[in-house]
Structures are given as structure tokens and as C-alpha cells.
């Protein structure tokens, strides 16, 4: 979970950026969704 700009966040899976410049207020929920999508790995 990396700050990209004021109020914007980029999300990473490992070293790969998978979501760029998403609104900060949505970032935690979206991070959890990505983790859940990867369940079982």
C-alpha cells in the first residue's frame, strides 16, 4: 500500500503494481479484495 499522490494510493502484489492512483478512501477495502481474490496461494 504505497502513497502515489495526495489522496491517491497504489497497490502492489509482490513487486507488481496492480492498482494505480486509486482514491485513498477506497484503498484499504480494495487491498483486502485483492488478497481475498488470491486466497489459497
ModelCIF file with pLDDT and N, C-alpha, C, O atoms, coordinates in Angstrom:
data_MODEL
#
_entry.id   MODEL 
#
_entity.id                         1 
_entity.type                       polymer 
_entity.pdbx_number_of_molecules   1 
#
_entity_poly.entity_id                      1 
_entity_poly.type                           'polypeptide(L)' 
_entity_poly.nstd_linkage                   no 
_entity_poly.nstd_monomer                   no 
_entity_poly.pdbx_seq_one_letter_code       
;(UNK)(UNK)(UNK)(UNK)(UNK)(UNK)(UNK)(UNK)(UNK)(UNK)(UNK)(UNK)(UNK)(UNK)(UNK)(UNK)
(UNK)(UNK)(UNK)(UNK)(UNK)(UNK)(UNK)(UNK)(UNK)(UNK)(UNK)(UNK)(UNK)(UNK)(UNK)(UNK)
(UNK)(UNK)(UNK)(UNK)(UNK)(UNK)(UNK)(UNK)(UNK)
;
_entity_poly.pdbx_seq_one_letter_code_can   XXXXXXXXXXXXXXXXXXXXXXXXXXXXXXXXXXXXXXXXX 
_entity_poly.pdbx_strand_id                 A 
#
loop_
_entity_poly_seq.entity_id 
_entity_poly_seq.num 
_entity_poly_seq.mon_id 
_entity_poly_seq.hetero 
1 1  UNK n 
1 2  UNK n 
1 3  UNK n 
1 4  UNK n 
1 5  UNK n 
1 6  UNK n 
1 7  UNK n 
1 8  UNK n 
1 9  UNK n 
1 10 UNK n 
1 11 UNK n 
1 12 UNK n 
1 13 UNK n 
1 14 UNK n 
1 15 UNK n 
1 16 UNK n 
1 17 UNK n 
1 18 UNK n 
1 19 UNK n 
1 20 UNK n 
1 21 UNK n 
1 22 UNK n 
1 23 UNK n 
1 24 UNK n 
1 25 UNK n 
1 26 UNK n 
1 27 UNK n 
1 28 UNK n 
1 29 UNK n 
1 30 UNK n 
1 31 UNK n 
1 32 UNK n 
1 33 UNK n 
1 34 UNK n 
1 35 UNK n 
1 36 UNK n 
1 37 UNK n 
1 38 UNK n 
1 39 UNK n 
1 40 UNK n 
1 41 UNK n 
#
_struct_asym.id          A 
_struct_asym.entity_id   1 
#
loop_
_ma_qa_metric.id 
_ma_qa_metric.mode 
_ma_qa_metric.name 
_ma_qa_metric.software_group_id 
_ma_qa_metric.type 
1 global pLDDT . pLDDT 
2 local  pLDDT . pLDDT 
#
_ma_qa_metric_global.metric_id      1 
_ma_qa_metric_global.metric_value   89.10 
_ma_qa_metric_global.model_id       1 
_ma_qa_metric_global.ordinal_id     1 
#
loop_
_ma_qa_metric_local.label_asym_id 
_ma_qa_metric_local.label_comp_id 
_ma_qa_metric_local.label_seq_id 
_ma_qa_metric_local.metric_id 
_ma_qa_metric_local.metric_value 
_ma_qa_metric_local.model_id 
_ma_qa_metric_local.ordinal_id 
A UNK 1  2 93.00 1 1  
A UNK 2  2 92.00 1 2  
A UNK 3  2 90.00 1 3  
A UNK 4  2 88.00 1 4  
A UNK 5  2 88.00 1 5  
A UNK 6  2 89.00 1 6  
A UNK 7  2 90.00 1 7  
A UNK 8  2 92.00 1 8  
A UNK 9  2 93.00 1 9  
A UNK 10 2 93.00 1 10 
A UNK 11 2 94.00 1 11 
A UNK 12 2 93.00 1 12 
A UNK 13 2 92.00 1 13 
A UNK 14 2 90.00 1 14 
A UNK 15 2 88.00 1 15 
A UNK 16 2 91.00 1 16 
A UNK 17 2 92.00 1 17 
A UNK 18 2 94.00 1 18 
A UNK 19 2 93.00 1 19 
A UNK 20 2 94.00 1 20 
A UNK 21 2 94.00 1 21 
A UNK 22 2 93.00 1 22 
A UNK 23 2 95.00 1 23 
A UNK 24 2 92.00 1 24 
A UNK 25 2 93.00 1 25 
A UNK 26 2 94.00 1 26 
A UNK 27 2 93.00 1 27 
A UNK 28 2 94.00 1 28 
A UNK 29 2 94.00 1 29 
A UNK 30 2 94.00 1 30 
A UNK 31 2 93.00 1 31 
A UNK 32 2 91.00 1 32 
A UNK 33 2 91.00 1 33 
A UNK 34 2 93.00 1 34 
A UNK 35 2 91.00 1 35 
A UNK 36 2 89.00 1 36 
A UNK 37 2 89.00 1 37 
A UNK 38 2 88.00 1 38 
A UNK 39 2 79.00 1 39 
A UNK 40 2 40.00 1 40 
A UNK 41 2 44.00 1 41 
#
loop_
_atom_site.group_PDB 
_atom_site.id 
_atom_site.type_symbol 
_atom_site.label_atom_id 
_atom_site.label_alt_id 
_atom_site.label_comp_id 
_atom_site.label_asym_id 
_atom_site.label_entity_id 
_atom_site.label_seq_id 
_atom_site.pdbx_PDB_ins_code 
_atom_site.Cartn_x 
_atom_site.Cartn_y 
_atom_site.Cartn_z 
_atom_site.occupancy 
_atom_site.B_iso_or_equiv 
_atom_site.pdbx_formal_charge 
_atom_site.auth_seq_id 
_atom_site.auth_comp_id 
_atom_site.auth_asym_id 
_atom_site.auth_atom_id 
_atom_site.pdbx_PDB_model_num 
ATOM 1   N N  . UNK A 1 1  ? 0.884   -1.159  0.000   1.00 93.00 ? 1  UNK A N  1 
ATOM 2   C CA . UNK A 1 1  ? 0.000   0.000   0.000   1.00 93.00 ? 1  UNK A CA 1 
ATOM 3   C C  . UNK A 1 1  ? 0.925   1.213   0.000   1.00 93.00 ? 1  UNK A C  1 
ATOM 4   O O  . UNK A 1 1  ? 1.569   1.492   1.011   1.00 93.00 ? 1  UNK A O  1 
ATOM 5   N N  . UNK A 1 2  ? 1.004   1.941   -1.121  1.00 92.00 ? 2  UNK A N  1 
ATOM 6   C CA . UNK A 1 2  ? 2.010   2.986   -1.279  1.00 92.00 ? 2  UNK A CA 1 
ATOM 7   C C  . UNK A 1 2  ? 1.352   4.304   -1.690  1.00 92.00 ? 2  UNK A C  1 
ATOM 8   O O  . UNK A 1 2  ? 0.547   4.347   -2.620  1.00 92.00 ? 2  UNK A O  1 
ATOM 9   N N  . UNK A 1 3  ? 1.709   5.377   -0.980  1.00 90.00 ? 3  UNK A N  1 
ATOM 10  C CA . UNK A 1 3  ? 1.216   6.691   -1.361  1.00 90.00 ? 3  UNK A CA 1 
ATOM 11  C C  . UNK A 1 3  ? 1.731   7.083   -2.737  1.00 90.00 ? 3  UNK A C  1 
ATOM 12  O O  . UNK A 1 3  ? 2.937   7.049   -2.981  1.00 90.00 ? 3  UNK A O  1 
ATOM 13  N N  . UNK A 1 4  ? 0.822   7.457   -3.646  1.00 88.00 ? 4  UNK A N  1 
ATOM 14  C CA . UNK A 1 4  ? 1.209   7.812   -5.021  1.00 88.00 ? 4  UNK A CA 1 
ATOM 15  C C  . UNK A 1 4  ? 1.119   9.316   -5.252  1.00 88.00 ? 4  UNK A C  1 
ATOM 16  O O  . UNK A 1 4  ? 1.940   9.887   -5.970  1.00 88.00 ? 4  UNK A O  1 
ATOM 17  N N  . UNK A 1 5  ? 0.125   9.954   -4.645  1.00 88.00 ? 5  UNK A N  1 
ATOM 18  C CA . UNK A 1 5  ? -0.063  11.402  -4.727  1.00 88.00 ? 5  UNK A CA 1 
ATOM 19  C C  . UNK A 1 5  ? -0.975  11.780  -3.571  1.00 88.00 ? 5  UNK A C  1 
ATOM 20  O O  . UNK A 1 5  ? -1.499  10.906  -2.881  1.00 88.00 ? 5  UNK A O  1 
ATOM 21  N N  . UNK A 1 6  ? -1.164  13.057  -3.360  1.00 89.00 ? 6  UNK A N  1 
ATOM 22  C CA . UNK A 1 6  ? -2.025  13.464  -2.257  1.00 89.00 ? 6  UNK A CA 1 
ATOM 23  C C  . UNK A 1 6  ? -3.423  12.889  -2.463  1.00 89.00 ? 6  UNK A C  1 
ATOM 24  O O  . UNK A 1 6  ? -4.089  13.205  -3.449  1.00 89.00 ? 6  UNK A O  1 
ATOM 25  N N  . UNK A 1 7  ? -3.873  12.035  -1.523  1.00 90.00 ? 7  UNK A N  1 
ATOM 26  C CA . UNK A 1 7  ? -5.195  11.414  -1.612  1.00 90.00 ? 7  UNK A CA 1 
ATOM 27  C C  . UNK A 1 7  ? -5.257  10.221  -2.545  1.00 90.00 ? 7  UNK A C  1 
ATOM 28  O O  . UNK A 1 7  ? -6.336  9.667   -2.753  1.00 90.00 ? 7  UNK A O  1 
ATOM 29  N N  . UNK A 1 8  ? -4.109  9.799   -3.127  1.00 92.00 ? 8  UNK A N  1 
ATOM 30  C CA . UNK A 1 8  ? -4.080  8.681   -4.071  1.00 92.00 ? 8  UNK A CA 1 
ATOM 31  C C  . UNK A 1 8  ? -3.112  7.596   -3.573  1.00 92.00 ? 8  UNK A C  1 
ATOM 32  O O  . UNK A 1 8  ? -2.077  7.887   -2.973  1.00 92.00 ? 8  UNK A O  1 
ATOM 33  N N  . UNK A 1 9  ? -3.482  6.348   -3.839  1.00 93.00 ? 9  UNK A N  1 
ATOM 34  C CA . UNK A 1 9  ? -2.693  5.206   -3.369  1.00 93.00 ? 9  UNK A CA 1 
ATOM 35  C C  . UNK A 1 9  ? -2.522  4.206   -4.503  1.00 93.00 ? 9  UNK A C  1 
ATOM 36  O O  . UNK A 1 9  ? -3.436  4.005   -5.303  1.00 93.00 ? 9  UNK A O  1 
ATOM 37  N N  . UNK A 1 10 ? -1.358  3.581   -4.571  1.00 93.00 ? 10 UNK A N  1 
ATOM 38  C CA . UNK A 1 10 ? -1.127  2.469   -5.493  1.00 93.00 ? 10 UNK A CA 1 
ATOM 39  C C  . UNK A 1 10 ? -0.986  1.189   -4.690  1.00 93.00 ? 10 UNK A C  1 
ATOM 40  O O  . UNK A 1 10 ? -0.385  1.191   -3.616  1.00 93.00 ? 10 UNK A O  1 
ATOM 41  N N  . UNK A 1 11 ? -1.535  0.095   -5.203  1.00 94.00 ? 11 UNK A N  1 
ATOM 42  C CA . UNK A 1 11 ? -1.493  -1.195  -4.528  1.00 94.00 ? 11 UNK A CA 1 
ATOM 43  C C  . UNK A 1 11 ? -0.620  -2.167  -5.309  1.00 94.00 ? 11 UNK A C  1 
ATOM 44  O O  . UNK A 1 11 ? -0.615  -2.175  -6.540  1.00 94.00 ? 11 UNK A O  1 
ATOM 45  N N  . UNK A 1 12 ? 0.112   -2.979  -4.568  1.00 93.00 ? 12 UNK A N  1 
ATOM 46  C CA . UNK A 1 12 ? 1.061   -3.907  -5.174  1.00 93.00 ? 12 UNK A CA 1 
ATOM 47  C C  . UNK A 1 12 ? 0.750   -5.340  -4.762  1.00 93.00 ? 12 UNK A C  1 
ATOM 48  O O  . UNK A 1 12 ? 0.337   -5.612  -3.635  1.00 93.00 ? 12 UNK A O  1 
ATOM 49  N N  . UNK A 1 13 ? 0.961   -6.236  -5.705  1.00 92.00 ? 13 UNK A N  1 
ATOM 50  C CA . UNK A 1 13 ? 1.015   -7.669  -5.407  1.00 92.00 ? 13 UNK A CA 1 
ATOM 51  C C  . UNK A 1 13 ? 2.474   -8.068  -5.632  1.00 92.00 ? 13 UNK A C  1 
ATOM 52  O O  . UNK A 1 13 ? 2.943   -8.135  -6.768  1.00 92.00 ? 13 UNK A O  1 
ATOM 53  N N  . UNK A 1 14 ? 3.185   -8.333  -4.528  1.00 90.00 ? 14 UNK A N  1 
ATOM 54  C CA . UNK A 1 14 ? 4.618   -8.533  -4.656  1.00 90.00 ? 14 UNK A CA 1 
ATOM 55  C C  . UNK A 1 14 ? 5.264   -7.263  -5.186  1.00 90.00 ? 14 UNK A C  1 
ATOM 56  O O  . UNK A 1 14 ? 5.036   -6.179  -4.648  1.00 90.00 ? 14 UNK A O  1 
ATOM 57  N N  . UNK A 1 15 ? 6.062   -7.386  -6.227  1.00 88.00 ? 15 UNK A N  1 
ATOM 58  C CA . UNK A 1 15 ? 6.740   -6.223  -6.808  1.00 88.00 ? 15 UNK A CA 1 
ATOM 59  C C  . UNK A 1 15 ? 5.932   -5.554  -7.907  1.00 88.00 ? 15 UNK A C  1 
ATOM 60  O O  . UNK A 1 15 ? 6.340   -4.528  -8.451  1.00 88.00 ? 15 UNK A O  1 
ATOM 61  N N  . UNK A 1 16 ? 4.785   -6.136  -8.231  1.00 91.00 ? 16 UNK A N  1 
ATOM 62  C CA . UNK A 1 16 ? 3.991   -5.624  -9.355  1.00 91.00 ? 16 UNK A CA 1 
ATOM 63  C C  . UNK A 1 16 ? 2.883   -4.701  -8.873  1.00 91.00 ? 16 UNK A C  1 
ATOM 64  O O  . UNK A 1 16 ? 2.108   -5.050  -7.983  1.00 91.00 ? 16 UNK A O  1 
ATOM 65  N N  . UNK A 1 17 ? 2.822   -3.525  -9.469  1.00 92.00 ? 17 UNK A N  1 
ATOM 66  C CA . UNK A 1 17 ? 1.739   -2.590  -9.170  1.00 92.00 ? 17 UNK A CA 1 
ATOM 67  C C  . UNK A 1 17 ? 0.485   -3.063  -9.901  1.00 92.00 ? 17 UNK A C  1 
ATOM 68  O O  . UNK A 1 17 ? 0.493   -3.184  -11.126 1.00 92.00 ? 17 UNK A O  1 
ATOM 69  N N  . UNK A 1 18 ? -0.589  -3.329  -9.163  1.00 94.00 ? 18 UNK A N  1 
ATOM 70  C CA . UNK A 1 18 ? -1.814  -3.859  -9.765  1.00 94.00 ? 18 UNK A CA 1 
ATOM 71  C C  . UNK A 1 18 ? -2.959  -2.842  -9.764  1.00 94.00 ? 18 UNK A C  1 
ATOM 72  O O  . UNK A 1 18 ? -3.931  -3.012  -10.501 1.00 94.00 ? 18 UNK A O  1 
ATOM 73  N N  . UNK A 1 19 ? -2.856  -1.791  -8.950  1.00 93.00 ? 19 UNK A N  1 
ATOM 74  C CA . UNK A 1 19 ? -3.860  -0.723  -8.929  1.00 93.00 ? 19 UNK A CA 1 
ATOM 75  C C  . UNK A 1 19 ? -3.116  0.590   -8.750  1.00 93.00 ? 19 UNK A C  1 
ATOM 76  O O  . UNK A 1 19 ? -2.360  0.750   -7.791  1.00 93.00 ? 19 UNK A O  1 
ATOM 77  N N  . UNK A 1 20 ? -3.323  1.533   -9.667  1.00 94.00 ? 20 UNK A N  1 
ATOM 78  C CA . UNK A 1 20 ? -2.606  2.802   -9.591  1.00 94.00 ? 20 UNK A CA 1 
ATOM 79  C C  . UNK A 1 20 ? -3.547  3.952   -9.293  1.00 94.00 ? 20 UNK A C  1 
ATOM 80  O O  . UNK A 1 20 ? -4.641  4.048   -9.850  1.00 94.00 ? 20 UNK A O  1 
ATOM 81  N N  . UNK A 1 21 ? -3.096  4.828   -8.395  1.00 94.00 ? 21 UNK A N  1 
ATOM 82  C CA . UNK A 1 21 ? -3.772  6.105   -8.146  1.00 94.00 ? 21 UNK A CA 1 
ATOM 83  C C  . UNK A 1 21 ? -5.251  5.953   -7.814  1.00 94.00 ? 21 UNK A C  1 
ATOM 84  O O  . UNK A 1 21 ? -6.084  6.698   -8.330  1.00 94.00 ? 21 UNK A O  1 
ATOM 85  N N  . UNK A 1 22 ? -5.574  5.006   -6.970  1.00 93.00 ? 22 UNK A N  1 
ATOM 86  C CA . UNK A 1 22 ? -6.980  4.875   -6.558  1.00 93.00 ? 22 UNK A CA 1 
ATOM 87  C C  . UNK A 1 22 ? -7.216  5.785   -5.362  1.00 93.00 ? 22 UNK A C  1 
ATOM 88  O O  . UNK A 1 22 ? -6.273  6.083   -4.629  1.00 93.00 ? 22 UNK A O  1 
ATOM 89  N N  . UNK A 1 23 ? -8.449  6.234   -5.145  1.00 95.00 ? 23 UNK A N  1 
ATOM 90  C CA . UNK A 1 23 ? -8.727  7.131   -4.026  1.00 95.00 ? 23 UNK A CA 1 
ATOM 91  C C  . UNK A 1 23 ? -8.349  6.492   -2.686  1.00 95.00 ? 23 UNK A C  1 
ATOM 92  O O  . UNK A 1 23 ? -8.596  5.307   -2.463  1.00 95.00 ? 23 UNK A O  1 
ATOM 93  N N  . UNK A 1 24 ? -7.761  7.272   -1.818  1.00 92.00 ? 24 UNK A N  1 
ATOM 94  C CA . UNK A 1 24 ? -7.305  6.767   -0.528  1.00 92.00 ? 24 UNK A CA 1 
ATOM 95  C C  . UNK A 1 24 ? -8.437  6.132   0.266   1.00 92.00 ? 24 UNK A C  1 
ATOM 96  O O  . UNK A 1 24 ? -8.226  5.123   0.938   1.00 92.00 ? 24 UNK A O  1 
ATOM 97  N N  . UNK A 1 25 ? -9.640  6.707   0.201   1.00 93.00 ? 25 UNK A N  1 
ATOM 98  C CA . UNK A 1 25 ? -10.754 6.183   0.994   1.00 93.00 ? 25 UNK A CA 1 
ATOM 99  C C  . UNK A 1 25 ? -11.221 4.810   0.517   1.00 93.00 ? 25 UNK A C  1 
ATOM 100 O O  . UNK A 1 25 ? -11.947 4.123   1.236   1.00 93.00 ? 25 UNK A O  1 
ATOM 101 N N  . UNK A 1 26 ? -10.818 4.405   -0.682  1.00 94.00 ? 26 UNK A N  1 
ATOM 102 C CA . UNK A 1 26 ? -11.192 3.093   -1.216  1.00 94.00 ? 26 UNK A CA 1 
ATOM 103 C C  . UNK A 1 26 ? -10.059 2.071   -1.121  1.00 94.00 ? 26 UNK A C  1 
ATOM 104 O O  . UNK A 1 26 ? -10.265 0.886   -1.383  1.00 94.00 ? 26 UNK A O  1 
ATOM 105 N N  . UNK A 1 27 ? -8.866  2.530   -0.747  1.00 93.00 ? 27 UNK A N  1 
ATOM 106 C CA . UNK A 1 27 ? -7.671  1.704   -0.917  1.00 93.00 ? 27 UNK A CA 1 
ATOM 107 C C  . UNK A 1 27 ? -7.628  0.495   0.009   1.00 93.00 ? 27 UNK A C  1 
ATOM 108 O O  . UNK A 1 27 ? -7.256  -0.594  -0.428  1.00 93.00 ? 27 UNK A O  1 
ATOM 109 N N  . UNK A 1 28 ? -8.000  0.658   1.276   1.00 94.00 ? 28 UNK A N  1 
ATOM 110 C CA . UNK A 1 28 ? -7.919  -0.466  2.210   1.00 94.00 ? 28 UNK A CA 1 
ATOM 111 C C  . UNK A 1 28 ? -8.886  -1.570  1.799   1.00 94.00 ? 28 UNK A C  1 
ATOM 112 O O  . UNK A 1 28 ? -8.533  -2.749  1.801   1.00 94.00 ? 28 UNK A O  1 
ATOM 113 N N  . UNK A 1 29 ? -10.110 -1.178  1.446   1.00 94.00 ? 29 UNK A N  1 
ATOM 114 C CA . UNK A 1 29 ? -11.094 -2.168  1.020   1.00 94.00 ? 29 UNK A CA 1 
ATOM 115 C C  . UNK A 1 29 ? -10.637 -2.883  -0.245  1.00 94.00 ? 29 UNK A C  1 
ATOM 116 O O  . UNK A 1 29 ? -10.819 -4.093  -0.382  1.00 94.00 ? 29 UNK A O  1 
ATOM 117 N N  . UNK A 1 30 ? -10.039 -2.126  -1.174  1.00 94.00 ? 30 UNK A N  1 
ATOM 118 C CA . UNK A 1 30 ? -9.585  -2.753  -2.420  1.00 94.00 ? 30 UNK A CA 1 
ATOM 119 C C  . UNK A 1 30 ? -8.396  -3.685  -2.162  1.00 94.00 ? 30 UNK A C  1 
ATOM 120 O O  . UNK A 1 30 ? -8.283  -4.734  -2.795  1.00 94.00 ? 30 UNK A O  1 
ATOM 121 N N  . UNK A 1 31 ? -7.511  -3.306  -1.235  1.00 93.00 ? 31 UNK A N  1 
ATOM 122 C CA . UNK A 1 31 ? -6.384  -4.172  -0.861  1.00 93.00 ? 31 UNK A CA 1 
ATOM 123 C C  . UNK A 1 31 ? -6.907  -5.505  -0.335  1.00 93.00 ? 31 UNK A C  1 
ATOM 124 O O  . UNK A 1 31 ? -6.403  -6.563  -0.712  1.00 93.00 ? 31 UNK A O  1 
ATOM 125 N N  . UNK A 1 32 ? -7.908  -5.459  0.528   1.00 91.00 ? 32 UNK A N  1 
ATOM 126 C CA . UNK A 1 32 ? -8.473  -6.683  1.087   1.00 91.00 ? 32 UNK A CA 1 
ATOM 127 C C  . UNK A 1 32 ? -9.104  -7.535  -0.012  1.00 91.00 ? 32 UNK A C  1 
ATOM 128 O O  . UNK A 1 32 ? -8.993  -8.760  0.013   1.00 91.00 ? 32 UNK A O  1 
ATOM 129 N N  . UNK A 1 33 ? -9.758  -6.899  -0.967  1.00 91.00 ? 33 UNK A N  1 
ATOM 130 C CA . UNK A 1 33 ? -10.367 -7.648  -2.078  1.00 91.00 ? 33 UNK A CA 1 
ATOM 131 C C  . UNK A 1 33 ? -9.305  -8.380  -2.889  1.00 91.00 ? 33 UNK A C  1 
ATOM 132 O O  . UNK A 1 33 ? -9.502  -9.530  -3.284  1.00 91.00 ? 33 UNK A O  1 
ATOM 133 N N  . UNK A 1 34 ? -8.186  -7.719  -3.134  1.00 93.00 ? 34 UNK A N  1 
ATOM 134 C CA . UNK A 1 34 ? -7.101  -8.350  -3.896  1.00 93.00 ? 34 UNK A CA 1 
ATOM 135 C C  . UNK A 1 34 ? -6.564  -9.568  -3.140  1.00 93.00 ? 34 UNK A C  1 
ATOM 136 O O  . UNK A 1 34 ? -6.325  -10.623 -3.727  1.00 93.00 ? 34 UNK A O  1 
ATOM 137 N N  . UNK A 1 35 ? -6.381  -9.404  -1.832  1.00 91.00 ? 35 UNK A N  1 
ATOM 138 C CA . UNK A 1 35 ? -5.882  -10.524 -1.016  1.00 91.00 ? 35 UNK A CA 1 
ATOM 139 C C  . UNK A 1 35 ? -6.878  -11.684 -1.050  1.00 91.00 ? 35 UNK A C  1 
ATOM 140 O O  . UNK A 1 35 ? -6.485  -12.843 -1.185  1.00 91.00 ? 35 UNK A O  1 
ATOM 141 N N  . UNK A 1 36 ? -8.146  -11.372 -0.928  1.00 89.00 ? 36 UNK A N  1 
ATOM 142 C CA . UNK A 1 36 ? -9.172  -12.422 -0.946  1.00 89.00 ? 36 UNK A CA 1 
ATOM 143 C C  . UNK A 1 36 ? -9.229  -13.117 -2.304  1.00 89.00 ? 36 UNK A C  1 
ATOM 144 O O  . UNK A 1 36 ? -9.437  -14.328 -2.382  1.00 89.00 ? 36 UNK A O  1 
ATOM 145 N N  . UNK A 1 37 ? -9.044  -12.350 -3.364  1.00 89.00 ? 37 UNK A N  1 
ATOM 146 C CA . UNK A 1 37 ? -9.017  -12.951 -4.704  1.00 89.00 ? 37 UNK A CA 1 
ATOM 147 C C  . UNK A 1 37 ? -7.874  -13.952 -4.847  1.00 89.00 ? 37 UNK A C  1 
ATOM 148 O O  . UNK A 1 37 ? -7.975  -14.905 -5.620  1.00 89.00 ? 37 UNK A O  1 
ATOM 149 N N  . UNK A 1 38 ? -6.789  -13.739 -4.106  1.00 88.00 ? 38 UNK A N  1 
ATOM 150 C CA . UNK A 1 38 ? -5.619  -14.609 -4.173  1.00 88.00 ? 38 UNK A CA 1 
ATOM 151 C C  . UNK A 1 38 ? -5.679  -15.742 -3.160  1.00 88.00 ? 38 UNK A C  1 
ATOM 152 O O  . UNK A 1 38 ? -4.710  -16.490 -3.032  1.00 88.00 ? 38 UNK A O  1 
ATOM 153 N N  . UNK A 1 39 ? -6.773  -15.891 -2.444  1.00 79.00 ? 39 UNK A N  1 
ATOM 154 C CA . UNK A 1 39 ? -6.886  -16.900 -1.390  1.00 79.00 ? 39 UNK A CA 1 
ATOM 155 C C  . UNK A 1 39 ? -6.499  -18.278 -1.883  1.00 79.00 ? 39 UNK A C  1 
ATOM 156 O O  . UNK A 1 39 ? -6.904  -18.700 -2.966  1.00 79.00 ? 39 UNK A O  1 
ATOM 157 N N  . UNK A 1 40 ? -5.676  -19.010 -1.044  1.00 40.00 ? 40 UNK A N  1 
ATOM 158 C CA . UNK A 1 40 ? -5.244  -20.341 -1.414  1.00 40.00 ? 40 UNK A CA 1 
ATOM 159 C C  . UNK A 1 40 ? -3.846  -20.385 -1.972  1.00 40.00 ? 40 UNK A C  1 
ATOM 160 O O  . UNK A 1 40 ? -3.249  -21.458 -2.055  1.00 40.00 ? 40 UNK A O  1 
ATOM 161 N N  . UNK A 1 41 ? -3.290  -19.202 -2.371  1.00 44.00 ? 41 UNK A N  1 
ATOM 162 C CA . UNK A 1 41 ? -1.907  -19.171 -2.815  1.00 44.00 ? 41 UNK A CA 1 
ATOM 163 C C  . UNK A 1 41 ? -0.991  -19.206 -1.586  1.00 44.00 ? 41 UNK A C  1 
ATOM 164 O O  . UNK A 1 41 ? 0.232   -19.188 -1.727  1.00 44.00 ? 41 UNK A O  1 
#
